[in-house]
Amino acid sequence: MEFWDDNAVVISAGEPELKGKQAIRGMVEGSINDPNFSISWEPNHVEISEKGDMGYLLENAKITIKDSTGNSKVQNFKSVTIWKKQADSSWKNVVDVMSPKK
């Protein structure tokens, strides 16, 4: 949870928008506690603002879960994350948007 900004927003197709660390924590804890869940990311492109205080990352993401029959189901997503540099020079994710790949 440390890389999320306190006011971060997560937007994922077909899911309610999550606003703030507490809402995001619920999603993360639910995923971590599911032994059938896994997620991975593959960065494709990154851009940093001229001032060096904001940036975005384009990624491919893959989520694996088990469906109601117990079979593994792989979901592929395109993802955009927006990051903001903090006063202590760390980076925090402020917006995370995932869209299913077709």
PDB file of N, CA and C in Angstrom:
ATOM      1  N   MET A   1       0.808  -1.193   0.000  1.00  0.00           N
ATOM      2  CA  MET A   1       0.000   0.000   0.000  1.00  0.00           C
ATOM      3  C   MET A   1       0.859   1.268   0.000  1.00  0.00           C
ATOM      4  N   GLU A   2       2.135   1.116   0.285  1.00  0.00           N
ATOM      5  CA  GLU A   2       2.972   2.306   0.430  1.00  0.00           C
ATOM      6  C   GLU A   2       3.170   3.083  -0.866  1.00  0.00           C
ATOM      7  N   PHE A   3       2.955   2.451  -2.027  1.00  0.00           N
ATOM      8  CA  PHE A   3       3.172   3.201  -3.268  1.00  0.00           C
ATOM      9  C   PHE A   3       1.912   3.934  -3.738  1.00  0.00           C
ATOM     10  N   TRP A   4       0.795   3.791  -3.017  1.00  0.00           N
ATOM     11  CA  TRP A   4      -0.441   4.504  -3.351  1.00  0.00           C
ATOM     12  C   TRP A   4      -0.477   5.847  -2.636  1.00  0.00           C
ATOM     13  N   ASP A   5      -0.920   6.880  -3.340  1.00  0.00           N
ATOM     14  CA  ASP A   5      -1.196   8.179  -2.751  1.00  0.00           C
ATOM     15  C   ASP A   5      -2.453   8.059  -1.878  1.00  0.00           C
ATOM     16  N   ASP A   6      -2.561   8.851  -0.832  1.00  0.00           N
ATOM     17  CA  ASP A   6      -3.723   8.785   0.053  1.00  0.00           C
ATOM     18  C   ASP A   6      -5.043   9.023  -0.699  1.00  0.00           C
ATOM     19  N   ASN A   7      -4.994   9.799  -1.757  1.00  0.00           N
ATOM     20  CA  ASN A   7      -6.199  10.135  -2.520  1.00  0.00           C
ATOM     21  C   ASN A   7      -6.240   9.450  -3.884  1.00  0.00           C
ATOM     22  N   ALA A   8      -5.527   8.363  -4.038  1.00  0.00           N
ATOM     23  CA  ALA A   8      -5.439   7.654  -5.319  1.00  0.00           C
ATOM     24  C   ALA A   8      -6.819   7.169  -5.775  1.00  0.00           C
ATOM     25  N   VAL A   9      -6.929   6.966  -7.097  1.00  0.00           N
ATOM     26  CA  VAL A   9      -8.150   6.463  -7.711  1.00  0.00           C
ATOM     27  C   VAL A   9      -7.784   5.262  -8.577  1.00  0.00           C
ATOM     28  N   VAL A  10      -8.569   4.178  -8.450  1.00  0.00           N
ATOM     29  CA  VAL A  10      -8.402   2.992  -9.286  1.00  0.00           C
ATOM     30  C   VAL A  10      -9.676   2.820 -10.097  1.00  0.00           C
ATOM     31  N   ILE A  11      -9.506   2.733 -11.415  1.00  0.00           N
ATOM     32  CA  ILE A  11     -10.634   2.562 -12.328  1.00  0.00           C
ATOM     33  C   ILE A  11     -10.387   1.298 -13.140  1.00  0.00           C
ATOM     34  N   SER A  12     -11.313   0.358 -13.045  1.00  0.00           N
ATOM     35  CA  SER A  12     -11.207  -0.901 -13.771  1.00  0.00           C
ATOM     36  C   SER A  12     -12.567  -1.204 -14.388  1.00  0.00           C
ATOM     37  N   ALA A  13     -12.580  -1.518 -15.678  1.00  0.00           N
ATOM     38  CA  ALA A  13     -13.825  -1.764 -16.403  1.00  0.00           C
ATOM     39  C   ALA A  13     -14.707  -2.775 -15.672  1.00  0.00           C
ATOM     40  N   GLY A  14     -15.979  -2.423 -15.522  1.00  0.00           N
ATOM     41  CA  GLY A  14     -16.935  -3.325 -14.907  1.00  0.00           C
ATOM     42  C   GLY A  14     -16.896  -3.374 -13.390  1.00  0.00           C
ATOM     43  N   GLU A  15     -16.034  -2.577 -12.776  1.00  0.00           N
ATOM     44  CA  GLU A  15     -15.898  -2.556 -11.317  1.00  0.00           C
ATOM     45  C   GLU A  15     -16.188  -1.148 -10.808  1.00  0.00           C
ATOM     46  N   PRO A  16     -16.658  -1.029  -9.561  1.00  0.00           N
ATOM     47  CA  PRO A  16     -16.852   0.315  -9.008  1.00  0.00           C
ATOM     48  C   PRO A  16     -15.509   1.043  -8.886  1.00  0.00           C
ATOM     49  N   GLU A  17     -15.524   2.335  -9.106  1.00  0.00           N
ATOM     50  CA  GLU A  17     -14.328   3.160  -8.946  1.00  0.00           C
ATOM     51  C   GLU A  17     -13.930   3.168  -7.474  1.00  0.00           C
ATOM     52  N   LEU A  18     -12.645   3.000  -7.222  1.00  0.00           N
ATOM     53  CA  LEU A  18     -12.127   3.023  -5.857  1.00  0.00           C
ATOM     54  C   LEU A  18     -11.417   4.347  -5.630  1.00  0.00           C
ATOM     55  N   LYS A  19     -11.829   5.070  -4.591  1.00  0.00           N
ATOM     56  CA  LYS A  19     -11.239   6.370  -4.283  1.00  0.00           C
ATOM     57  C   LYS A  19     -10.648   6.340  -2.894  1.00  0.00           C
ATOM     58  N   GLY A  20      -9.370   6.632  -2.807  1.00  0.00           N
ATOM     59  CA  GLY A  20      -8.689   6.714  -1.521  1.00  0.00           C
ATOM     60  C   GLY A  20      -8.065   5.395  -1.096  1.00  0.00           C
ATOM     61  N   LYS A  21      -7.090   5.523  -0.224  1.00  0.00           N
ATOM     62  CA  LYS A  21      -6.302   4.380   0.220  1.00  0.00           C
ATOM     63  C   LYS A  21      -7.142   3.316   0.927  1.00  0.00           C
ATOM     64  N   GLN A  22      -8.140   3.725   1.696  1.00  0.00           N
ATOM     65  CA  GLN A  22      -8.947   2.750   2.424  1.00  0.00           C
ATOM     66  C   GLN A  22      -9.711   1.849   1.448  1.00  0.00           C
ATOM     67  N   ALA A  23     -10.322   2.424   0.427  1.00  0.00           N
ATOM     68  CA  ALA A  23     -11.057   1.630  -0.568  1.00  0.00           C
ATOM     69  C   ALA A  23     -10.104   0.718  -1.341  1.00  0.00           C
ATOM     70  N   ILE A  24      -8.948   1.249  -1.702  1.00  0.00           N
ATOM     71  CA  ILE A  24      -7.952   0.458  -2.442  1.00  0.00           C
ATOM     72  C   ILE A  24      -7.429  -0.669  -1.555  1.00  0.00           C
ATOM     73  N   ARG A  25      -7.229  -0.392  -0.291  1.00  0.00           N
ATOM     74  CA  ARG A  25      -6.754  -1.418   0.653  1.00  0.00           C
ATOM     75  C   ARG A  25      -7.712  -2.613   0.679  1.00  0.00           C
ATOM     76  N   GLY A  26      -9.002  -2.370   0.669  1.00  0.00           N
ATOM     77  CA  GLY A  26      -9.976  -3.456   0.655  1.00  0.00           C
ATOM     78  C   GLY A  26      -9.813  -4.348  -0.564  1.00  0.00           C
ATOM     79  N   MET A  27      -9.603  -3.742  -1.728  1.00  0.00           N
ATOM     80  CA  MET A  27      -9.401  -4.505  -2.959  1.00  0.00           C
ATOM     81  C   MET A  27      -8.094  -5.304  -2.901  1.00  0.00           C
ATOM     82  N   VAL A  28      -7.037  -4.667  -2.443  1.00  0.00           N
ATOM     83  CA  VAL A  28      -5.724  -5.324  -2.371  1.00  0.00           C
ATOM     84  C   VAL A  28      -5.763  -6.483  -1.376  1.00  0.00           C
ATOM     85  N   GLU A  29      -6.332  -6.260  -0.207  1.00  0.00           N
ATOM     86  CA  GLU A  29      -6.385  -7.325   0.803  1.00  0.00           C
ATOM     87  C   GLU A  29      -7.226  -8.499   0.315  1.00  0.00           C
ATOM     88  N   GLY A  30      -8.343  -8.218  -0.367  1.00  0.00           N
ATOM     89  CA  GLY A  30      -9.161  -9.293  -0.921  1.00  0.00           C
ATOM     90  C   GLY A  30      -8.389 -10.124  -1.927  1.00  0.00           C
ATOM     91  N   SER A  31      -7.595  -9.462  -2.747  1.00  0.00           N
ATOM     92  CA  SER A  31      -6.801 -10.165  -3.760  1.00  0.00           C
ATOM     93  C   SER A  31      -5.686 -10.983  -3.119  1.00  0.00           C
ATOM     94  N   ILE A  32      -4.971 -10.373  -2.191  1.00  0.00           N
ATOM     95  CA  ILE A  32      -3.844 -11.052  -1.536  1.00  0.00           C
ATOM     96  C   ILE A  32      -4.316 -12.282  -0.765  1.00  0.00           C
ATOM     97  N   ASN A  33      -5.492 -12.198  -0.176  1.00  0.00           N
ATOM     98  CA  ASN A  33      -6.009 -13.301   0.630  1.00  0.00           C
ATOM     99  C   ASN A  33      -6.615 -14.423  -0.208  1.00  0.00           C
ATOM    100  N   ASP A  34      -6.717 -14.233  -1.523  1.00  0.00           N
ATOM    101  CA  ASP A  34      -7.242 -15.272  -2.414  1.00  0.00           C
ATOM    102  C   ASP A  34      -6.052 -16.066  -2.976  1.00  0.00           C
ATOM    103  N   PRO A  35      -5.866 -17.327  -2.556  1.00  0.00           N
ATOM    104  CA  PRO A  35      -4.708 -18.098  -3.011  1.00  0.00           C
ATOM    105  C   PRO A  35      -4.735 -18.381  -4.521  1.00  0.00           C
ATOM    106  N   ASN A  36      -5.856 -18.156  -5.171  1.00  0.00           N
ATOM    107  CA  ASN A  36      -5.972 -18.403  -6.613  1.00  0.00           C
ATOM    108  C   ASN A  36      -5.684 -17.160  -7.452  1.00  0.00           C
ATOM    109  N   PHE A  37      -5.399 -16.051  -6.788  1.00  0.00           N
ATOM    110  CA  PHE A  37      -5.185 -14.778  -7.474  1.00  0.00           C
ATOM    111  C   PHE A  37      -3.703 -14.531  -7.712  1.00  0.00           C
ATOM    112  N   SER A  38      -3.378 -14.078  -8.919  1.00  0.00           N
ATOM    113  CA  SER A  38      -2.025 -13.577  -9.194  1.00  0.00           C
ATOM    114  C   SER A  38      -2.136 -12.451 -10.203  1.00  0.00           C
ATOM    115  N   ILE A  39      -1.198 -11.535 -10.136  1.00  0.00           N
ATOM    116  CA  ILE A  39      -1.169 -10.397 -11.059  1.00  0.00           C
ATOM    117  C   ILE A  39       0.272 -10.113 -11.449  1.00  0.00           C
ATOM    118  N   SER A  40       0.457  -9.705 -12.695  1.00  0.00           N
ATOM    119  CA  SER A  40       1.785  -9.296 -13.154  1.00  0.00           C
ATOM    120  C   SER A  40       1.620  -8.126 -14.126  1.00  0.00           C
ATOM    121  N   TRP A  41       2.674  -7.327 -14.238  1.00  0.00           N
ATOM    122  CA  TRP A  41       2.666  -6.172 -15.116  1.00  0.00           C
ATOM    123  C   TRP A  41       3.889  -6.220 -16.016  1.00  0.00           C
ATOM    124  N   GLU A  42       3.719  -5.703 -17.215  1.00  0.00           N
ATOM    125  CA  GLU A  42       4.836  -5.558 -18.152  1.00  0.00           C
ATOM    126  C   GLU A  42       4.817  -4.125 -18.667  1.00  0.00           C
ATOM    127  N   PRO A  43       5.745  -3.294 -18.208  1.00  0.00           N
ATOM    128  CA  PRO A  43       5.788  -1.905 -18.678  1.00  0.00           C
ATOM    129  C   PRO A  43       6.112  -1.837 -20.171  1.00  0.00           C
ATOM    130  N   ASN A  44       5.422  -0.939 -20.871  1.00  0.00           N
ATOM    131  CA  ASN A  44       5.664  -0.731 -22.299  1.00  0.00           C
ATOM    132  C   ASN A  44       6.270   0.633 -22.608  1.00  0.00           C
ATOM    133  N   HIS A  45       5.874   1.623 -21.825  1.00  0.00           N
ATOM    134  CA  HIS A  45       6.313   2.989 -22.125  1.00  0.00           C
ATOM    135  C   HIS A  45       6.183   3.835 -20.860  1.00  0.00           C
ATOM    136  N   VAL A  46       7.118   4.751 -20.679  1.00  0.00           N
ATOM    137  CA  VAL A  46       7.062   5.677 -19.546  1.00  0.00           C
ATOM    138  C   VAL A  46       7.386   7.087 -20.038  1.00  0.00           C
ATOM    139  N   GLU A  47       6.714   8.054 -19.476  1.00  0.00           N
ATOM    140  CA  GLU A  47       6.980   9.468 -19.753  1.00  0.00           C
ATOM    141  C   GLU A  47       7.033  10.211 -18.430  1.00  0.00           C
ATOM    142  N   ILE A  48       7.979  11.123 -18.297  1.00  0.00           N
ATOM    143  CA  ILE A  48       8.110  11.966 -17.108  1.00  0.00           C
ATOM    144  C   ILE A  48       7.967  13.420 -17.554  1.00  0.00           C
ATOM    145  N   SER A  49       7.252  14.216 -16.776  1.00  0.00           N
ATOM    146  CA  SER A  49       7.069  15.630 -17.107  1.00  0.00           C
ATOM    147  C   SER A  49       8.414  16.357 -17.127  1.00  0.00           C
ATOM    148  N   GLU A  50       8.453  17.489 -17.817  1.00  0.00           N
ATOM    149  CA  GLU A  50       9.685  18.276 -17.886  1.00  0.00           C
ATOM    150  C   GLU A  50      10.165  18.696 -16.500  1.00  0.00           C
ATOM    151  N   LYS A  51       9.222  18.991 -15.598  1.00  0.00           N
ATOM    152  CA  LYS A  51       9.586  19.389 -14.237  1.00  0.00           C
ATOM    153  C   LYS A  51      10.039  18.198 -13.392  1.00  0.00           C
ATOM    154  N   GLY A  52       9.782  16.969 -13.884  1.00  0.00           N
ATOM    155  CA  GLY A  52      10.208  15.777 -13.163  1.00  0.00           C
ATOM    156  C   GLY A  52       9.351  15.435 -11.959  1.00  0.00           C
ATOM    157  N   ASP A  53       8.118  15.979 -11.908  1.00  0.00           N
ATOM    158  CA  ASP A  53       7.271  15.739 -10.737  1.00  0.00           C
ATOM    159  C   ASP A  53       6.047  14.862 -11.009  1.00  0.00           C
ATOM    160  N   MET A  54       5.782  14.553 -12.263  1.00  0.00           N
ATOM    161  CA  MET A  54       4.662  13.693 -12.644  1.00  0.00           C
ATOM    162  C   MET A  54       5.134  12.777 -13.764  1.00  0.00           C
ATOM    163  N   GLY A  55       4.506  11.629 -13.846  1.00  0.00           N
ATOM    164  CA  GLY A  55       4.833  10.704 -14.925  1.00  0.00           C
ATOM    165  C   GLY A  55       3.706   9.718 -15.128  1.00  0.00           C
ATOM    166  N   TYR A  56       3.751   9.048 -16.267  1.00  0.00           N
ATOM    167  CA  TYR A  56       2.773   7.989 -16.494  1.00  0.00           C
ATOM    168  C   TYR A  56       3.472   6.779 -17.083  1.00  0.00           C
ATOM    169  N   LEU A  57       2.838   5.644 -16.884  1.00  0.00           N
ATOM    170  CA  LEU A  57       3.369   4.367 -17.325  1.00  0.00           C
ATOM    171  C   LEU A  57       2.279   3.624 -18.078  1.00  0.00           C
ATOM    172  N   LEU A  58       2.585   3.155 -19.286  1.00  0.00           N
ATOM    173  CA  LEU A  58       1.685   2.296 -20.054  1.00  0.00           C
ATOM    174  C   LEU A  58       2.152   0.868 -19.845  1.00  0.00           C
ATOM    175  N   GLU A  59       1.208  -0.021 -19.525  1.00  0.00           N
ATOM    176  CA  GLU A  59       1.586  -1.387 -19.162  1.00  0.00           C
ATOM    177  C   GLU A  59       0.592  -2.398 -19.727  1.00  0.00           C
ATOM    178  N   ASN A  60       1.053  -3.621 -19.832  1.00  0.00           N
ATOM    179  CA  ASN A  60       0.169  -4.764 -20.014  1.00  0.00           C
ATOM    180  C   ASN A  60       0.102  -5.435 -18.649  1.00  0.00           C
ATOM    181  N   ALA A  61      -1.099  -5.816 -18.244  1.00  0.00           N
ATOM    182  CA  ALA A  61      -1.283  -6.502 -16.967  1.00  0.00           C
ATOM    183  C   ALA A  61      -1.989  -7.825 -17.210  1.00  0.00           C
ATOM    184  N   LYS A  62      -1.669  -8.791 -16.378  1.00  0.00           N
ATOM    185  CA  LYS A  62      -2.307 -10.100 -16.485  1.00  0.00           C
ATOM    186  C   LYS A  62      -2.750 -10.532 -15.091  1.00  0.00           C
ATOM    187  N   ILE A  63      -4.044 -10.848 -14.975  1.00  0.00           N
ATOM    188  CA  ILE A  63      -4.607 -11.317 -13.718  1.00  0.00           C
ATOM    189  C   ILE A  63      -5.099 -12.741 -13.926  1.00  0.00           C
ATOM    190  N   THR A  64      -4.729 -13.621 -13.011  1.00  0.00           N
ATOM    191  CA  THR A  64      -5.179 -15.008 -13.061  1.00  0.00           C
ATOM    192  C   THR A  64      -6.024 -15.290 -11.828  1.00  0.00           C
ATOM    193  N   ILE A  65      -7.211 -15.855 -12.055  1.00  0.00           N
ATOM    194  CA  ILE A  65      -8.114 -16.251 -10.979  1.00  0.00           C
ATOM    195  C   ILE A  65      -8.700 -17.613 -11.334  1.00  0.00           C
ATOM    196  N   LYS A  66      -9.396 -18.215 -10.403  1.00  0.00           N
ATOM    197  CA  LYS A  66     -10.133 -19.443 -10.710  1.00  0.00           C
ATOM    198  C   LYS A  66     -11.601 -19.088 -10.861  1.00  0.00           C
ATOM    199  N   ASP A  67     -12.242 -19.644 -11.891  1.00  0.00           N
ATOM    200  CA  ASP A  67     -13.664 -19.397 -12.092  1.00  0.00           C
ATOM    201  C   ASP A  67     -14.499 -20.300 -11.190  1.00  0.00           C
ATOM    202  N   SER A  68     -15.809 -20.219 -11.331  1.00  0.00           N
ATOM    203  CA  SER A  68     -16.707 -20.970 -10.441  1.00  0.00           C
ATOM    204  C   SER A  68     -16.562 -22.487 -10.580  1.00  0.00           C
ATOM    205  N   THR A  69     -15.958 -22.945 -11.683  1.00  0.00           N
ATOM    206  CA  THR A  69     -15.756 -24.391 -11.869  1.00  0.00           C
ATOM    207  C   THR A  69     -14.379 -24.839 -11.394  1.00  0.00           C
ATOM    208  N   GLY A  70     -13.564 -23.898 -10.914  1.00  0.00           N
ATOM    209  CA  GLY A  70     -12.240 -24.245 -10.417  1.00  0.00           C
ATOM    210  C   GLY A  70     -11.140 -24.177 -11.459  1.00  0.00           C
ATOM    211  N   ASN A  71     -11.493 -23.774 -12.690  1.00  0.00           N
ATOM    212  CA  ASN A  71     -10.494 -23.653 -13.756  1.00  0.00           C
ATOM    213  C   ASN A  71      -9.841 -22.280 -13.714  1.00  0.00           C
ATOM    214  N   SER A  72      -8.551 -22.241 -13.999  1.00  0.00           N
ATOM    215  CA  SER A  72      -7.844 -20.962 -14.049  1.00  0.00           C
ATOM    216  C   SER A  72      -8.352 -20.129 -15.210  1.00  0.00           C
ATOM    217  N   LYS A  73      -8.547 -18.855 -14.927  1.00  0.00           N
ATOM    218  CA  LYS A  73      -9.001 -17.910 -15.948  1.00  0.00           C
ATOM    219  C   LYS A  73      -8.000 -16.769 -15.983  1.00  0.00           C
ATOM    220  N   VAL A  74      -7.447 -16.495 -17.161  1.00  0.00           N
ATOM    221  CA  VAL A  74      -6.473 -15.423 -17.325  1.00  0.00           C
ATOM    222  C   VAL A  74      -7.171 -14.237 -17.984  1.00  0.00           C
ATOM    223  N   GLN A  75      -7.014 -13.076 -17.373  1.00  0.00           N
ATOM    224  CA  GLN A  75      -7.561 -11.839 -17.913  1.00  0.00           C
ATOM    225  C   GLN A  75      -6.392 -10.926 -18.262  1.00  0.00           C
ATOM    226  N   ASN A  76      -6.378 -10.413 -19.485  1.00  0.00           N
ATOM    227  CA  ASN A  76      -5.326  -9.506 -19.933  1.00  0.00           C
ATOM    228  C   ASN A  76      -5.884  -8.097 -20.032  1.00  0.00           C
ATOM    229  N   PHE A  77      -5.097  -7.133 -19.567  1.00  0.00           N
ATOM    230  CA  PHE A  77      -5.522  -5.742 -19.520  1.00  0.00           C
ATOM    231  C   PHE A  77      -4.449  -4.834 -20.112  1.00  0.00           C
ATOM    232  N   LYS A  78      -4.897  -3.686 -20.621  1.00  0.00           N
ATOM    233  CA  LYS A  78      -4.022  -2.549 -20.884  1.00  0.00           C
ATOM    234  C   LYS A  78      -4.198  -1.647 -19.675  1.00  0.00           C
ATOM    235  N   SER A  79      -3.113  -1.042 -19.242  1.00  0.00           N
ATOM    236  CA  SER A  79      -3.155  -0.264 -18.017  1.00  0.00           C
ATOM    237  C   SER A  79      -2.388   1.040 -18.178  1.00  0.00           C
ATOM    238  N   VAL A  80      -2.908   2.087 -17.552  1.00  0.00           N
ATOM    239  CA  VAL A  80      -2.220   3.374 -17.468  1.00  0.00           C
ATOM    240  C   VAL A  80      -2.152   3.740 -15.993  1.00  0.00           C
ATOM    241  N   THR A  81      -0.958   4.020 -15.511  1.00  0.00           N
ATOM    242  CA  THR A  81      -0.811   4.503 -14.144  1.00  0.00           C
ATOM    243  C   THR A  81      -0.152   5.872 -14.184  1.00  0.00           C
ATOM    244  N   ILE A  82      -0.640   6.763 -13.333  1.00  0.00           N
ATOM    245  CA  ILE A  82      -0.091   8.117 -13.234  1.00  0.00           C
ATOM    246  C   ILE A  82       0.560   8.238 -11.863  1.00  0.00           C
ATOM    247  N   TRP A  83       1.779   8.756 -11.868  1.00  0.00           N
ATOM    248  CA  TRP A  83       2.591   8.829 -10.651  1.00  0.00           C
ATOM    249  C   TRP A  83       2.964  10.273 -10.352  1.00  0.00           C
ATOM    250  N   LYS A  84       3.040  10.601  -9.061  1.00  0.00           N
ATOM    251  CA  LYS A  84       3.413  11.945  -8.623  1.00  0.00           C
ATOM    252  C   LYS A  84       4.586  11.848  -7.652  1.00  0.00           C
ATOM    253  N   LYS A  85       5.599  12.669  -7.921  1.00  0.00           N
ATOM    254  CA  LYS A  85       6.772  12.694  -7.050  1.00  0.00           C
ATOM    255  C   LYS A  85       6.429  13.424  -5.758  1.00  0.00           C
ATOM    256  N   GLN A  86       6.849  12.842  -4.644  1.00  0.00           N
ATOM    257  CA  GLN A  86       6.558  13.382  -3.319  1.00  0.00           C
ATOM    258  C   GLN A  86       7.716  14.260  -2.829  1.00  0.00           C
ATOM    259  N   ALA A  87       7.469  15.010  -1.759  1.00  0.00           N
ATOM    260  CA  ALA A  87       8.483  15.903  -1.188  1.00  0.00           C
ATOM    261  C   ALA A  87       9.744  15.149  -0.774  1.00  0.00           C
ATOM    262  N   ASP A  88       9.587  13.867  -0.396  1.00  0.00           N
ATOM    263  CA  ASP A  88      10.752  13.073   0.020  1.00  0.00           C
ATOM    264  C   ASP A  88      11.424  12.362  -1.159  1.00  0.00           C
ATOM    265  N   SER A  89      11.040  12.728  -2.393  1.00  0.00           N
ATOM    266  CA  SER A  89      11.565  12.181  -3.657  1.00  0.00           C
ATOM    267  C   SER A  89      11.034  10.790  -3.996  1.00  0.00           C
ATOM    268  N   SER A  90      10.157  10.226  -3.174  1.00  0.00           N
ATOM    269  CA  SER A  90       9.518   8.963  -3.544  1.00  0.00           C
ATOM    270  C   SER A  90       8.410   9.257  -4.558  1.00  0.00           C
ATOM    271  N   TRP A  91       7.905   8.197  -5.206  1.00  0.00           N
ATOM    272  CA  TRP A  91       6.825   8.333  -6.179  1.00  0.00           C
ATOM    273  C   TRP A  91       5.594   7.615  -5.650  1.00  0.00           C
ATOM    274  N   LYS A  92       4.416   8.226  -5.828  1.00  0.00           N
ATOM    275  CA  LYS A  92       3.145   7.635  -5.408  1.00  0.00           C
ATOM    276  C   LYS A  92       2.219   7.531  -6.617  1.00  0.00           C
ATOM    277  N   ASN A  93       1.524   6.415  -6.694  1.00  0.00           N
ATOM    278  CA  ASN A  93       0.531   6.196  -7.747  1.00  0.00           C
ATOM    279  C   ASN A  93      -0.721   6.992  -7.373  1.00  0.00           C
ATOM    280  N   VAL A  94      -1.173   7.882  -8.280  1.00  0.00           N
ATOM    281  CA  VAL A  94      -2.354   8.706  -8.014  1.00  0.00           C
ATOM    282  C   VAL A  94      -3.568   8.250  -8.821  1.00  0.00           C
ATOM    283  N   VAL A  95      -3.340   7.622  -9.973  1.00  0.00           N
ATOM    284  CA  VAL A  95      -4.439   7.120 -10.819  1.00  0.00           C
ATOM    285  C   VAL A  95      -3.983   5.823 -11.463  1.00  0.00           C
ATOM    286  N   ASP A  96      -4.873   4.816 -11.426  1.00  0.00           N
ATOM    287  CA  ASP A  96      -4.613   3.520 -12.042  1.00  0.00           C
ATOM    288  C   ASP A  96      -5.860   3.131 -12.829  1.00  0.00           C
ATOM    289  N   VAL A  97      -5.698   2.990 -14.143  1.00  0.00           N
ATOM    290  CA  VAL A  97      -6.830   2.656 -15.012  1.00  0.00           C
ATOM    291  C   VAL A  97      -6.490   1.367 -15.762  1.00  0.00           C
ATOM    292  N   MET A  98      -7.396   0.372 -15.662  1.00  0.00           N
ATOM    293  CA  MET A  98      -7.195  -0.898 -16.360  1.00  0.00           C
ATOM    294  C   MET A  98      -8.389  -1.151 -17.283  1.00  0.00           C
ATOM    295  N   SER A  99      -8.073  -1.572 -18.505  1.00  0.00           N
ATOM    296  CA  SER A  99      -9.107  -1.875 -19.494  1.00  0.00           C
ATOM    297  C   SER A  99      -8.817  -3.249 -20.095  1.00  0.00           C
ATOM    298  N   PRO A 100      -9.831  -4.110 -20.195  1.00  0.00           N
ATOM    299  CA  PRO A 100      -9.586  -5.452 -20.765  1.00  0.00           C
ATOM    300  C   PRO A 100      -9.045  -5.367 -22.179  1.00  0.00           C
ATOM    301  N   LYS A 101      -8.089  -6.222 -22.471  1.00  0.00           N
ATOM    302  CA  LYS A 101      -7.535  -6.357 -23.826  1.00  0.00           C
ATOM    303  C   LYS A 101      -8.458  -7.252 -24.635  1.00  0.00           C
ATOM    304  N   LYS A 102      -8.643  -6.908 -25.858  1.00  0.00           N
ATOM    305  CA  LYS A 102      -9.469  -7.752 -26.731  1.00  0.00           C
ATOM    306  C   LYS A 102      -8.618  -8.378 -27.796  1.00  0.00           C
TER     307      LYS A 102
END
